[in-house]
């Protein structure tokens, strides 16, 4: 099913559009570049690509001055990226953004939690520690799940924690960013879908929007998002932390 911008809530759309409010520097059928003095240093260059819409780019005034884009007669995405690279500004690996549509949100709010899924607390520390030990450092680093996060849910099978999802308010606090990890032997059994949907309901009850991010190369995570009923919102890029 095709999803358009109007299928998402105003909260989701507003959260992602706010950084791209500013003075227009370059605008064409394919790309719009704005200058926003309110960007943080870490977000001094930010890209947002959405299906069927021009690429959105926002820059701090300092970056815009460095790039001298107003001197370029015609600006393409390739030329912009080349100019950034020439100035030593390296873009981080993109994030694929997934959110529930408004219809999807109604469904997840009303859905009962699966029998093997529950909220985790500090009392589950021993079980969570065993879960961490059963997973690789690389998987734990990518998933970024923590028992001390704002909300934590897990799938428990035969007394063993096989999947964990945790979330915390992110950015300006309108969305809650979701992390998820399923132990390798338990993958492909629907635990990730069940846990993501379970943690999303209390996120909505708290007045926030669930936000799911993953990387283009993580096909398993992308499938989990879609099977959980989330829809692709766009592709987000910002400056790599190592960039000068």
C-alpha atoms as a PDB file:
ATOM      1  CA  UNK A   1       0.000   0.000   0.000  1.00  0.00           C
ATOM      2  CA  UNK A   2       1.355   3.427  -0.948  1.00  0.00           C
ATOM      3  CA  UNK A   3       1.763   5.832   1.962  1.00  0.00           C
ATOM      4  CA  UNK A   4       1.729   9.612   1.634  1.00  0.00           C
ATOM      5  CA  UNK A   5       2.697  12.403   4.034  1.00  0.00           C
ATOM      6  CA  UNK A   6      -0.932  12.896   5.045  1.00  0.00           C
ATOM      7  CA  UNK A   7      -1.135   9.316   6.324  1.00  0.00           C
ATOM      8  CA  UNK A   8       1.165  10.206   9.233  1.00  0.00           C
ATOM      9  CA  UNK A   9       0.177  12.279  12.235  1.00  0.00           C
ATOM     10  CA  UNK A  10       0.912  15.983  12.364  1.00  0.00           C
ATOM     11  CA  UNK A  11       3.257  15.252  15.282  1.00  0.00           C
ATOM     12  CA  UNK A  12       5.457  12.943  13.203  1.00  0.00           C
ATOM     13  CA  UNK A  13       5.480  15.228  10.180  1.00  0.00           C
ATOM     14  CA  UNK A  14       6.128  18.319  12.294  1.00  0.00           C
ATOM     15  CA  UNK A  15       8.971  16.667  14.188  1.00  0.00           C
ATOM     16  CA  UNK A  16      10.858  15.838  11.005  1.00  0.00           C
ATOM     17  CA  UNK A  17      10.049  19.060   9.148  1.00  0.00           C
ATOM     18  CA  UNK A  18      11.086  21.471  11.910  1.00  0.00           C
ATOM     19  CA  UNK A  19      14.841  21.423  11.111  1.00  0.00           C
ATOM     20  CA  UNK A  20      14.059  22.293   7.494  1.00  0.00           C
ATOM     21  CA  UNK A  21      12.370  25.585   8.300  1.00  0.00           C
ATOM     22  CA  UNK A  22      14.592  28.479   7.317  1.00  0.00           C
ATOM     23  CA  UNK A  23      15.658  30.802   4.547  1.00  0.00           C
ATOM     24  CA  UNK A  24      15.657  29.092   1.155  1.00  0.00           C
ATOM     25  CA  UNK A  25      19.078  29.094  -0.452  1.00  0.00           C
ATOM     26  CA  UNK A  26      18.532  26.775  -3.423  1.00  0.00           C
ATOM     27  CA  UNK A  27      15.288  25.329  -4.728  1.00  0.00           C
ATOM     28  CA  UNK A  28      14.580  23.135  -7.735  1.00  0.00           C
ATOM     29  CA  UNK A  29      12.241  20.323  -8.718  1.00  0.00           C
ATOM     30  CA  UNK A  30      14.679  17.853  -7.160  1.00  0.00           C
ATOM     31  CA  UNK A  31      16.134  19.582  -4.106  1.00  0.00           C
ATOM     32  CA  UNK A  32      15.523  22.356  -1.611  1.00  0.00           C
ATOM     33  CA  UNK A  33      18.346  23.768   0.534  1.00  0.00           C
ATOM     34  CA  UNK A  34      17.588  26.038   3.489  1.00  0.00           C
ATOM     35  CA  UNK A  35      19.704  27.849   6.065  1.00  0.00           C
ATOM     36  CA  UNK A  36      18.616  27.369   9.666  1.00  0.00           C
ATOM     37  CA  UNK A  37      20.586  29.149  12.434  1.00  0.00           C
ATOM     38  CA  UNK A  38      18.935  27.003  15.128  1.00  0.00           C
ATOM     39  CA  UNK A  39      20.645  23.753  14.091  1.00  0.00           C
ATOM     40  CA  UNK A  40      23.038  22.164  16.562  1.00  0.00           C
ATOM     41  CA  UNK A  41      26.656  21.621  15.572  1.00  0.00           C
ATOM     42  CA  UNK A  42      26.036  17.876  15.282  1.00  0.00           C
ATOM     43  CA  UNK A  43      23.129  18.523  12.886  1.00  0.00           C
ATOM     44  CA  UNK A  44      24.801  21.365  10.974  1.00  0.00           C
ATOM     45  CA  UNK A  45      24.126  19.520   7.728  1.00  0.00           C
ATOM     46  CA  UNK A  46      21.009  17.362   7.570  1.00  0.00           C
ATOM     47  CA  UNK A  47      19.333  15.591   4.655  1.00  0.00           C
ATOM     48  CA  UNK A  48      15.790  14.208   4.505  1.00  0.00           C
ATOM     49  CA  UNK A  49      14.647  12.222   1.484  1.00  0.00           C
ATOM     50  CA  UNK A  50      10.957  11.341   1.227  1.00  0.00           C
ATOM     51  CA  UNK A  51       9.186   9.411  -1.522  1.00  0.00           C
ATOM     52  CA  UNK A  52       7.781  11.657  -4.235  1.00  0.00           C
ATOM     53  CA  UNK A  53       9.236  14.843  -2.724  1.00  0.00           C
ATOM     54  CA  UNK A  54      12.355  16.926  -3.433  1.00  0.00           C
ATOM     55  CA  UNK A  55      15.392  16.137  -1.291  1.00  0.00           C
ATOM     56  CA  UNK A  56      15.438  18.474   1.715  1.00  0.00           C
ATOM     57  CA  UNK A  57      18.745  19.838   2.999  1.00  0.00           C
ATOM     58  CA  UNK A  58      19.301  22.165   5.938  1.00  0.00           C
ATOM     59  CA  UNK A  59      22.565  23.936   6.802  1.00  0.00           C
ATOM     60  CA  UNK A  60      23.832  26.255   9.501  1.00  0.00           C
ATOM     61  CA  UNK A  61      24.826  29.721   8.247  1.00  0.00           C
ATOM     62  CA  UNK A  62      28.489  28.858   8.861  1.00  0.00           C
ATOM     63  CA  UNK A  63      28.313  25.790   6.619  1.00  0.00           C
ATOM     64  CA  UNK A  64      26.367  27.683   3.964  1.00  0.00           C
ATOM     65  CA  UNK A  65      29.047  30.384   3.927  1.00  0.00           C
ATOM     66  CA  UNK A  66      31.796  27.775   3.657  1.00  0.00           C
ATOM     67  CA  UNK A  67      30.104  26.042   0.744  1.00  0.00           C
ATOM     68  CA  UNK A  68      29.375  29.286  -1.152  1.00  0.00           C
ATOM     69  CA  UNK A  69      26.341  27.666  -2.730  1.00  0.00           C
ATOM     70  CA  UNK A  70      24.879  30.955  -3.918  1.00  0.00           C
ATOM     71  CA  UNK A  71      27.764  31.125  -6.394  1.00  0.00           C
ATOM     72  CA  UNK A  72      26.723  27.868  -8.042  1.00  0.00           C
ATOM     73  CA  UNK A  73      24.499  28.386 -11.063  1.00  0.00           C
ATOM     74  CA  UNK A  74      22.987  24.897 -10.891  1.00  0.00           C
ATOM     75  CA  UNK A  75      23.177  22.651  -7.856  1.00  0.00           C
ATOM     76  CA  UNK A  76      22.652  18.905  -7.934  1.00  0.00           C
ATOM     77  CA  UNK A  77      22.721  16.478  -5.034  1.00  0.00           C
ATOM     78  CA  UNK A  78      25.953  15.000  -6.375  1.00  0.00           C
ATOM     79  CA  UNK A  79      27.573  18.438  -6.591  1.00  0.00           C
ATOM     80  CA  UNK A  80      26.434  19.333  -3.071  1.00  0.00           C
ATOM     81  CA  UNK A  81      27.827  16.117  -1.614  1.00  0.00           C
ATOM     82  CA  UNK A  82      31.109  16.675  -3.447  1.00  0.00           C
ATOM     83  CA  UNK A  83      31.349  20.228  -2.093  1.00  0.00           C
ATOM     84  CA  UNK A  84      30.704  18.960   1.455  1.00  0.00           C
ATOM     85  CA  UNK A  85      33.384  16.297   1.080  1.00  0.00           C
ATOM     86  CA  UNK A  86      35.840  18.910  -0.205  1.00  0.00           C
ATOM     87  CA  UNK A  87      35.228  20.878   2.999  1.00  0.00           C
ATOM     88  CA  UNK A  88      35.837  17.795   5.155  1.00  0.00           C
ATOM     89  CA  UNK A  89      32.176  17.399   6.083  1.00  0.00           C
ATOM     90  CA  UNK A  90      31.396  13.684   6.044  1.00  0.00           C
ATOM     91  CA  UNK A  91      27.812  12.445   6.186  1.00  0.00           C
ATOM     92  CA  UNK A  92      26.937   9.595   8.534  1.00  0.00           C
ATOM     93  CA  UNK A  93      25.360   6.370   7.284  1.00  0.00           C
ATOM     94  CA  UNK A  94      21.675   7.095   6.558  1.00  0.00           C
ATOM     95  CA  UNK A  95      18.878   6.113   8.905  1.00  0.00           C
ATOM     96  CA  UNK A  96      15.726   4.601   7.462  1.00  0.00           C
ATOM     97  CA  UNK A  97      12.812   6.163   9.355  1.00  0.00           C
ATOM     98  CA  UNK A  98       9.657   4.219  10.184  1.00  0.00           C
ATOM     99  CA  UNK A  99       6.519   5.451  11.909  1.00  0.00           C
ATOM    100  CA  UNK A 100       2.966   4.249  12.286  1.00  0.00           C
ATOM    101  CA  UNK A 101       0.390   5.851  10.055  1.00  0.00           C
ATOM    102  CA  UNK A 102      -2.633   7.261  11.846  1.00  0.00           C
ATOM    103  CA  UNK A 103      -4.621   4.118  10.983  1.00  0.00           C
ATOM    104  CA  UNK A 104      -1.775   1.917  12.191  1.00  0.00           C
ATOM    105  CA  UNK A 105      -1.613   3.855  15.447  1.00  0.00           C
ATOM    106  CA  UNK A 106      -5.283   3.194  16.151  1.00  0.00           C
ATOM    107  CA  UNK A 107      -4.728  -0.535  15.678  1.00  0.00           C
ATOM    108  CA  UNK A 108      -1.674  -0.804  17.910  1.00  0.00           C
ATOM    109  CA  UNK A 109      -3.320   1.193  20.698  1.00  0.00           C
ATOM    110  CA  UNK A 110      -6.204  -1.268  20.849  1.00  0.00           C
ATOM    111  CA  UNK A 111      -4.189  -4.475  20.500  1.00  0.00           C
ATOM    112  CA  UNK A 112      -3.662  -6.756  23.527  1.00  0.00           C
ATOM    113  CA  UNK A 113      -0.086  -7.681  24.426  1.00  0.00           C
ATOM    114  CA  UNK A 114       0.976 -11.213  23.464  1.00  0.00           C
ATOM    115  CA  UNK A 115       0.980 -13.809  26.227  1.00  0.00           C
ATOM    116  CA  UNK A 116       4.768 -14.190  26.130  1.00  0.00           C
ATOM    117  CA  UNK A 117       5.496 -10.430  26.052  1.00  0.00           C
ATOM    118  CA  UNK A 118       5.651  -8.159  29.085  1.00  0.00           C
ATOM    119  CA  UNK A 119       7.183  -4.990  30.452  1.00  0.00           C
ATOM    120  CA  UNK A 120      10.617  -5.524  32.010  1.00  0.00           C
ATOM    121  CA  UNK A 121      11.770  -3.895  35.258  1.00  0.00           C
ATOM    122  CA  UNK A 122      14.877  -3.781  37.430  1.00  0.00           C
ATOM    123  CA  UNK A 123      13.730  -7.101  38.903  1.00  0.00           C
ATOM    124  CA  UNK A 124      14.590  -8.701  35.546  1.00  0.00           C
ATOM    125  CA  UNK A 125      18.262  -7.712  35.720  1.00  0.00           C
ATOM    126  CA  UNK A 126      19.562 -11.283  35.965  1.00  0.00           C
ATOM    127  CA  UNK A 127      17.546 -12.394  32.962  1.00  0.00           C
ATOM    128  CA  UNK A 128      18.580  -9.293  31.019  1.00  0.00           C
ATOM    129  CA  UNK A 129      22.254  -9.874  31.832  1.00  0.00           C
ATOM    130  CA  UNK A 130      21.945 -13.413  30.472  1.00  0.00           C
ATOM    131  CA  UNK A 131      20.336 -11.985  27.335  1.00  0.00           C
ATOM    132  CA  UNK A 132      23.244  -9.584  26.856  1.00  0.00           C
ATOM    133  CA  UNK A 133      25.739 -12.425  27.314  1.00  0.00           C
ATOM    134  CA  UNK A 134      23.944 -14.479  24.647  1.00  0.00           C
ATOM    135  CA  UNK A 135      24.287 -11.739  22.017  1.00  0.00           C
ATOM    136  CA  UNK A 136      27.340 -10.305  20.281  1.00  0.00           C
ATOM    137  CA  UNK A 137      28.813  -6.946  21.210  1.00  0.00           C
ATOM    138  CA  UNK A 138      28.176  -5.782  17.645  1.00  0.00           C
ATOM    139  CA  UNK A 139      24.466  -6.664  17.805  1.00  0.00           C
ATOM    140  CA  UNK A 140      24.107  -5.024  21.212  1.00  0.00           C
ATOM    141  CA  UNK A 141      25.812  -1.876  19.926  1.00  0.00           C
ATOM    142  CA  UNK A 142      23.513  -1.589  16.910  1.00  0.00           C
ATOM    143  CA  UNK A 143      20.311  -2.370  18.832  1.00  0.00           C
ATOM    144  CA  UNK A 144      21.111  -0.065  21.759  1.00  0.00           C
ATOM    145  CA  UNK A 145      18.645  -1.694  24.180  1.00  0.00           C
ATOM    146  CA  UNK A 146      18.909  -0.977  27.886  1.00  0.00           C
ATOM    147  CA  UNK A 147      17.028  -2.142  30.943  1.00  0.00           C
ATOM    148  CA  UNK A 148      17.259   1.411  32.325  1.00  0.00           C
ATOM    149  CA  UNK A 149      15.509   3.037  29.360  1.00  0.00           C
ATOM    150  CA  UNK A 150      12.226   4.892  29.750  1.00  0.00           C
ATOM    151  CA  UNK A 151      10.213   1.822  28.607  1.00  0.00           C
ATOM    152  CA  UNK A 152      11.432  -1.772  28.174  1.00  0.00           C
ATOM    153  CA  UNK A 153       9.516  -4.803  26.908  1.00  0.00           C
ATOM    154  CA  UNK A 154      10.674  -8.348  26.324  1.00  0.00           C
ATOM    155  CA  UNK A 155       9.573 -11.688  24.921  1.00  0.00           C
ATOM    156  CA  UNK A 156      10.110 -14.533  27.394  1.00  0.00           C
ATOM    157  CA  UNK A 157      10.076 -18.153  26.182  1.00  0.00           C
ATOM    158  CA  UNK A 158      10.561 -21.029  28.656  1.00  0.00           C
ATOM    159  CA  UNK A 159      11.956 -18.621  31.214  1.00  0.00           C
ATOM    160  CA  UNK A 160      14.495 -17.148  28.805  1.00  0.00           C
ATOM    161  CA  UNK A 161      14.505 -13.611  27.480  1.00  0.00           C
ATOM    162  CA  UNK A 162      14.753 -13.946  23.686  1.00  0.00           C
ATOM    163  CA  UNK A 163      13.872 -10.444  22.470  1.00  0.00           C
ATOM    164  CA  UNK A 164      14.078  -6.980  24.002  1.00  0.00           C
ATOM    165  CA  UNK A 165      12.821  -3.599  22.884  1.00  0.00           C
ATOM    166  CA  UNK A 166      13.520  -0.404  24.788  1.00  0.00           C
ATOM    167  CA  UNK A 167      12.585   3.193  24.087  1.00  0.00           C
ATOM    168  CA  UNK A 168      13.331   6.691  25.334  1.00  0.00           C
ATOM    169  CA  UNK A 169      12.096  10.208  24.434  1.00  0.00           C
ATOM    170  CA  UNK A 170      14.305  11.502  21.638  1.00  0.00           C
ATOM    171  CA  UNK A 171      15.158  14.938  20.315  1.00  0.00           C
ATOM    172  CA  UNK A 172      12.594  17.511  21.355  1.00  0.00           C
ATOM    173  CA  UNK A 173      10.573  14.839  23.128  1.00  0.00           C
ATOM    174  CA  UNK A 174       7.671  14.332  20.733  1.00  0.00           C
ATOM    175  CA  UNK A 175       8.850  10.893  19.655  1.00  0.00           C
ATOM    176  CA  UNK A 176      10.231   7.884  21.509  1.00  0.00           C
ATOM    177  CA  UNK A 177      13.097   6.154  19.752  1.00  0.00           C
ATOM    178  CA  UNK A 178      12.791   2.355  19.748  1.00  0.00           C
ATOM    179  CA  UNK A 179      15.684  -0.095  19.887  1.00  0.00           C
ATOM    180  CA  UNK A 180      15.208  -3.829  19.418  1.00  0.00           C
ATOM    181  CA  UNK A 181      17.268  -7.008  19.499  1.00  0.00           C
ATOM    182  CA  UNK A 182      16.259 -10.638  19.078  1.00  0.00           C
ATOM    183  CA  UNK A 183      18.701 -13.398  20.001  1.00  0.00           C
ATOM    184  CA  UNK A 184      19.965 -15.203  16.906  1.00  0.00           C
ATOM    185  CA  UNK A 185      18.302 -18.614  17.586  1.00  0.00           C
ATOM    186  CA  UNK A 186      14.927 -16.912  18.149  1.00  0.00           C
ATOM    187  CA  UNK A 187      14.869 -14.808  14.987  1.00  0.00           C
ATOM    188  CA  UNK A 188      12.201 -15.302  12.354  1.00  0.00           C
ATOM    189  CA  UNK A 189       9.574 -16.364  14.906  1.00  0.00           C
ATOM    190  CA  UNK A 190       7.694 -13.081  15.220  1.00  0.00           C
ATOM    191  CA  UNK A 191       9.086 -12.020  18.605  1.00  0.00           C
ATOM    192  CA  UNK A 192      10.408  -8.711  17.268  1.00  0.00           C
ATOM    193  CA  UNK A 193       7.050  -7.790  15.775  1.00  0.00           C
ATOM    194  CA  UNK A 194       5.210  -8.642  18.991  1.00  0.00           C
ATOM    195  CA  UNK A 195       7.611  -6.666  21.189  1.00  0.00           C
ATOM    196  CA  UNK A 196       7.681  -3.572  18.950  1.00  0.00           C
ATOM    197  CA  UNK A 197       3.881  -3.431  18.889  1.00  0.00           C
ATOM    198  CA  UNK A 198       3.719  -4.013  22.647  1.00  0.00           C
ATOM    199  CA  UNK A 199       6.095  -1.157  23.488  1.00  0.00           C
ATOM    200  CA  UNK A 200       4.336   1.208  21.075  1.00  0.00           C
ATOM    201  CA  UNK A 201       1.041   1.238  22.988  1.00  0.00           C
ATOM    202  CA  UNK A 202       2.473   2.797  26.204  1.00  0.00           C
ATOM    203  CA  UNK A 203       4.460   5.231  24.066  1.00  0.00           C
ATOM    204  CA  UNK A 204       1.166   6.482  22.648  1.00  0.00           C
ATOM    205  CA  UNK A 205      -0.417   6.560  26.105  1.00  0.00           C
ATOM    206  CA  UNK A 206       2.404   8.850  27.220  1.00  0.00           C
ATOM    207  CA  UNK A 207       1.508  11.274  24.431  1.00  0.00           C
ATOM    208  CA  UNK A 208       4.507  10.413  22.239  1.00  0.00           C
ATOM    209  CA  UNK A 209       4.932   8.854  18.797  1.00  0.00           C
ATOM    210  CA  UNK A 210       6.914   5.613  18.327  1.00  0.00           C
ATOM    211  CA  UNK A 211       9.999   6.165  16.142  1.00  0.00           C
ATOM    212  CA  UNK A 212      11.895   3.236  14.591  1.00  0.00           C
ATOM    213  CA  UNK A 213      15.248   3.789  12.897  1.00  0.00           C
ATOM    214  CA  UNK A 214      17.518   1.319  11.160  1.00  0.00           C
ATOM    215  CA  UNK A 215      20.276   1.306   8.550  1.00  0.00           C
ATOM    216  CA  UNK A 216      19.931   0.412   4.852  1.00  0.00           C
ATOM    217  CA  UNK A 217      22.055  -2.713   5.215  1.00  0.00           C
ATOM    218  CA  UNK A 218      20.039  -4.161   8.098  1.00  0.00           C
ATOM    219  CA  UNK A 219      17.425  -6.039   6.102  1.00  0.00           C
ATOM    220  CA  UNK A 220      16.180  -8.034   9.087  1.00  0.00           C
ATOM    221  CA  UNK A 221      15.454  -4.873  11.067  1.00  0.00           C
ATOM    222  CA  UNK A 222      13.707  -3.283   8.090  1.00  0.00           C
ATOM    223  CA  UNK A 223      11.474  -6.349   7.720  1.00  0.00           C
ATOM    224  CA  UNK A 224      10.642  -6.262  11.431  1.00  0.00           C
ATOM    225  CA  UNK A 225       9.536  -2.633  11.134  1.00  0.00           C
ATOM    226  CA  UNK A 226       7.260  -3.339   8.191  1.00  0.00           C
ATOM    227  CA  UNK A 227       5.830  -6.538   9.692  1.00  0.00           C
ATOM    228  CA  UNK A 228       5.125  -4.644  12.910  1.00  0.00           C
ATOM    229  CA  UNK A 229       2.893  -2.325  10.869  1.00  0.00           C
ATOM    230  CA  UNK A 230       5.230   0.661  10.689  1.00  0.00           C
ATOM    231  CA  UNK A 231       5.479   2.517   7.389  1.00  0.00           C
ATOM    232  CA  UNK A 232       8.509   4.085   5.736  1.00  0.00           C
ATOM    233  CA  UNK A 233       8.639   7.816   6.448  1.00  0.00           C
ATOM    234  CA  UNK A 234      11.924   8.711   4.766  1.00  0.00           C
ATOM    235  CA  UNK A 235      15.716   8.572   4.848  1.00  0.00           C
ATOM    236  CA  UNK A 236      17.602  10.839   7.249  1.00  0.00           C
ATOM    237  CA  UNK A 237      21.290  11.792   7.172  1.00  0.00           C
ATOM    238  CA  UNK A 238      23.382  14.010   9.352  1.00  0.00           C
ATOM    239  CA  UNK A 239      27.068  14.664   9.913  1.00  0.00           C
ATOM    240  CA  UNK A 240      29.203  11.809  11.168  1.00  0.00           C
ATOM    241  CA  UNK A 241      30.489  12.464  14.716  1.00  0.00           C
ATOM    242  CA  UNK A 242      34.070  12.202  13.455  1.00  0.00           C
ATOM    243  CA  UNK A 243      33.580  14.973  10.888  1.00  0.00           C
ATOM    244  CA  UNK A 244      35.592  18.134  11.431  1.00  0.00           C
END
